[in-house]
Amino acid sequence: GIAGGYGGLYSLVHPPEAAVMCLLAGLLFAIREADQLYDMQAESESEKLRCGFSGRLVDAASSVAQDRERILGEIRAHRQEAAVEHALHVLITAGMSTEEI
């Protein structure tokens, strides 16, 4: 039977508990892999966003020049340059933006 013939792991853990442990180990492995893939994706997006952008508002580009000037004018009028640059740095570093934004 089980108690007398298996030894090793089965002498410490019964088969149902061993199955649960194996299932949990597999789940943990899958979660770690998914997390690593997420980190790699975020880093890739962050690199794309940083390409050509120094992190300074003066280097920001826009597909419509008038939009750029209006947005920068609003930021300057409220003296929020440093706060906006900091927010951009946080978002880009975290990969929480897209090229379209």
C-alpha atoms as a PDB file:
ATOM      1  CA  GLY A   1       0.000   0.000   0.000  1.00  0.00           C
ATOM      2  CA  ILE A   2       0.898   3.635   0.096  1.00  0.00           C
ATOM      3  CA  ALA A   3       2.206   3.736   3.648  1.00  0.00           C
ATOM      4  CA  GLY A   4       4.504   0.775   3.303  1.00  0.00           C
ATOM      5  CA  GLY A   5       5.736   0.822  -0.265  1.00  0.00           C
ATOM      6  CA  TYR A   6       6.441   4.356  -1.479  1.00  0.00           C
ATOM      7  CA  GLY A   7       8.666   6.085   1.083  1.00  0.00           C
ATOM      8  CA  GLY A   8      10.268   9.398   0.141  1.00  0.00           C
ATOM      9  CA  LEU A   9       7.811  12.217  -0.478  1.00  0.00           C
ATOM     10  CA  TYR A  10       4.768  10.023   0.097  1.00  0.00           C
ATOM     11  CA  SER A  11       5.882   9.186   3.590  1.00  0.00           C
ATOM     12  CA  LEU A  12       5.667  12.922   4.399  1.00  0.00           C
ATOM     13  CA  VAL A  13       2.850  14.105   2.102  1.00  0.00           C
ATOM     14  CA  HIS A  14      -0.209  12.147   1.047  1.00  0.00           C
ATOM     15  CA  PRO A  15      -1.032  11.999  -2.696  1.00  0.00           C
ATOM     16  CA  PRO A  16      -3.931  14.536  -2.625  1.00  0.00           C
ATOM     17  CA  GLU A  17      -1.746  17.087  -0.851  1.00  0.00           C
ATOM     18  CA  ALA A  18       1.108  16.394  -3.279  1.00  0.00           C
ATOM     19  CA  ALA A  19      -1.226  17.024  -6.221  1.00  0.00           C
ATOM     20  CA  VAL A  20      -2.321  20.340  -4.715  1.00  0.00           C
ATOM     21  CA  MET A  21       1.304  21.328  -4.121  1.00  0.00           C
ATOM     22  CA  CYS A  22       2.212  20.491  -7.727  1.00  0.00           C
ATOM     23  CA  LEU A  23      -0.770  22.468  -9.001  1.00  0.00           C
ATOM     24  CA  LEU A  24       0.191  25.479  -6.880  1.00  0.00           C
ATOM     25  CA  ALA A  25       3.822  25.251  -8.011  1.00  0.00           C
ATOM     26  CA  GLY A  26       2.685  25.197 -11.661  1.00  0.00           C
ATOM     27  CA  LEU A  27       0.385  28.148 -11.065  1.00  0.00           C
ATOM     28  CA  LEU A  28       3.189  30.108  -9.396  1.00  0.00           C
ATOM     29  CA  PHE A  29       5.487  29.372 -12.340  1.00  0.00           C
ATOM     30  CA  ALA A  30       2.838  30.552 -14.838  1.00  0.00           C
ATOM     31  CA  ILE A  31       2.235  33.753 -12.880  1.00  0.00           C
ATOM     32  CA  ARG A  32       5.973  34.490 -12.725  1.00  0.00           C
ATOM     33  CA  GLU A  33       6.307  33.976 -16.474  1.00  0.00           C
ATOM     34  CA  ALA A  34       3.338  36.247 -17.176  1.00  0.00           C
ATOM     35  CA  ASP A  35       4.844  38.904 -14.909  1.00  0.00           C
ATOM     36  CA  GLN A  36       8.177  38.703 -16.729  1.00  0.00           C
ATOM     37  CA  LEU A  37       6.421  39.042 -20.098  1.00  0.00           C
ATOM     38  CA  TYR A  38       4.513  42.071 -18.787  1.00  0.00           C
ATOM     39  CA  ASP A  39       7.781  43.657 -17.597  1.00  0.00           C
ATOM     40  CA  MET A  40       9.441  43.046 -20.971  1.00  0.00           C
ATOM     41  CA  GLN A  41       6.444  44.571 -22.790  1.00  0.00           C
ATOM     42  CA  ALA A  42       6.455  47.625 -20.493  1.00  0.00           C
ATOM     43  CA  GLU A  43      10.195  48.123 -21.045  1.00  0.00           C
ATOM     44  CA  SER A  44       9.762  47.820 -24.810  1.00  0.00           C
ATOM     45  CA  GLU A  45       6.946  50.398 -24.807  1.00  0.00           C
ATOM     46  CA  SER A  46       8.970  52.680 -22.565  1.00  0.00           C
ATOM     47  CA  GLU A  47      11.943  52.531 -24.947  1.00  0.00           C
ATOM     48  CA  LYS A  48       9.698  53.348 -27.925  1.00  0.00           C
ATOM     49  CA  LEU A  49       8.220  56.305 -26.094  1.00  0.00           C
ATOM     50  CA  ARG A  50      11.641  57.646 -25.083  1.00  0.00           C
ATOM     51  CA  CYS A  51      12.967  57.416 -28.626  1.00  0.00           C
ATOM     52  CA  GLY A  52      13.610  60.980 -29.683  1.00  0.00           C
ATOM     53  CA  PHE A  53      12.125  62.490 -26.528  1.00  0.00           C
ATOM     54  CA  SER A  54      14.473  63.906 -23.927  1.00  0.00           C
ATOM     55  CA  GLY A  55      11.789  64.157 -21.248  1.00  0.00           C
ATOM     56  CA  ARG A  56      11.792  67.942 -21.513  1.00  0.00           C
ATOM     57  CA  LEU A  57       8.759  69.849 -22.697  1.00  0.00           C
ATOM     58  CA  VAL A  58      10.827  71.971 -25.083  1.00  0.00           C
ATOM     59  CA  ASP A  59      11.573  68.775 -27.042  1.00  0.00           C
ATOM     60  CA  ALA A  60       7.937  67.611 -27.199  1.00  0.00           C
ATOM     61  CA  ALA A  61       6.479  67.168 -30.659  1.00  0.00           C
ATOM     62  CA  SER A  62       2.969  67.262 -32.019  1.00  0.00           C
ATOM     63  CA  SER A  63       1.436  66.328 -35.342  1.00  0.00           C
ATOM     64  CA  VAL A  64      -0.245  69.767 -35.311  1.00  0.00           C
ATOM     65  CA  ALA A  65       2.092  72.650 -34.455  1.00  0.00           C
ATOM     66  CA  GLN A  66      -0.758  74.835 -33.176  1.00  0.00           C
ATOM     67  CA  ASP A  67      -1.774  72.113 -30.690  1.00  0.00           C
ATOM     68  CA  ARG A  68       1.779  71.948 -29.379  1.00  0.00           C
ATOM     69  CA  GLU A  69       1.954  75.684 -28.835  1.00  0.00           C
ATOM     70  CA  ARG A  70      -1.490  75.835 -27.190  1.00  0.00           C
ATOM     71  CA  ILE A  71      -0.704  72.956 -24.819  1.00  0.00           C
ATOM     72  CA  LEU A  72       2.744  74.301 -23.906  1.00  0.00           C
ATOM     73  CA  GLY A  73       1.234  77.763 -23.432  1.00  0.00           C
ATOM     74  CA  GLU A  74      -1.305  76.412 -20.938  1.00  0.00           C
ATOM     75  CA  ILE A  75       1.392  74.549 -19.023  1.00  0.00           C
ATOM     76  CA  ARG A  76       3.617  77.631 -18.886  1.00  0.00           C
ATOM     77  CA  ALA A  77       0.717  79.939 -17.917  1.00  0.00           C
ATOM     78  CA  HIS A  78       0.104  77.780 -14.847  1.00  0.00           C
ATOM     79  CA  ARG A  79       3.832  77.352 -14.157  1.00  0.00           C
ATOM     80  CA  GLN A  80       3.510  73.578 -14.262  1.00  0.00           C
ATOM     81  CA  GLU A  81       6.507  72.696 -16.433  1.00  0.00           C
ATOM     82  CA  ALA A  82       8.329  70.740 -13.720  1.00  0.00           C
ATOM     83  CA  ALA A  83       5.172  68.906 -12.614  1.00  0.00           C
ATOM     84  CA  VAL A  84       4.307  67.913 -16.195  1.00  0.00           C
ATOM     85  CA  GLU A  85       7.862  66.761 -16.935  1.00  0.00           C
ATOM     86  CA  HIS A  86       7.817  64.694 -13.730  1.00  0.00           C
ATOM     87  CA  ALA A  87       4.448  63.140 -14.658  1.00  0.00           C
ATOM     88  CA  LEU A  88       5.762  62.303 -18.151  1.00  0.00           C
ATOM     89  CA  HIS A  89       8.858  60.705 -16.648  1.00  0.00           C
ATOM     90  CA  VAL A  90       6.736  58.544 -14.330  1.00  0.00           C
ATOM     91  CA  LEU A  91       4.390  57.439 -17.123  1.00  0.00           C
ATOM     92  CA  ILE A  92       7.145  56.685 -19.611  1.00  0.00           C
ATOM     93  CA  THR A  93       9.282  54.852 -17.051  1.00  0.00           C
ATOM     94  CA  ALA A  94       6.294  52.723 -16.060  1.00  0.00           C
ATOM     95  CA  GLY A  95       5.416  52.093 -19.721  1.00  0.00           C
ATOM     96  CA  MET A  96       1.938  53.439 -19.027  1.00  0.00           C
ATOM     97  CA  SER A  97       1.422  55.362 -22.205  1.00  0.00           C
ATOM     98  CA  THR A  98       1.208  54.754 -25.916  1.00  0.00           C
ATOM     99  CA  GLU A  99       2.837  56.327 -28.935  1.00  0.00           C
ATOM    100  CA  GLU A 100      -0.504  57.841 -29.911  1.00  0.00           C
ATOM    101  CA  ILE A 101      -0.689  59.866 -26.685  1.00  0.00           C
END
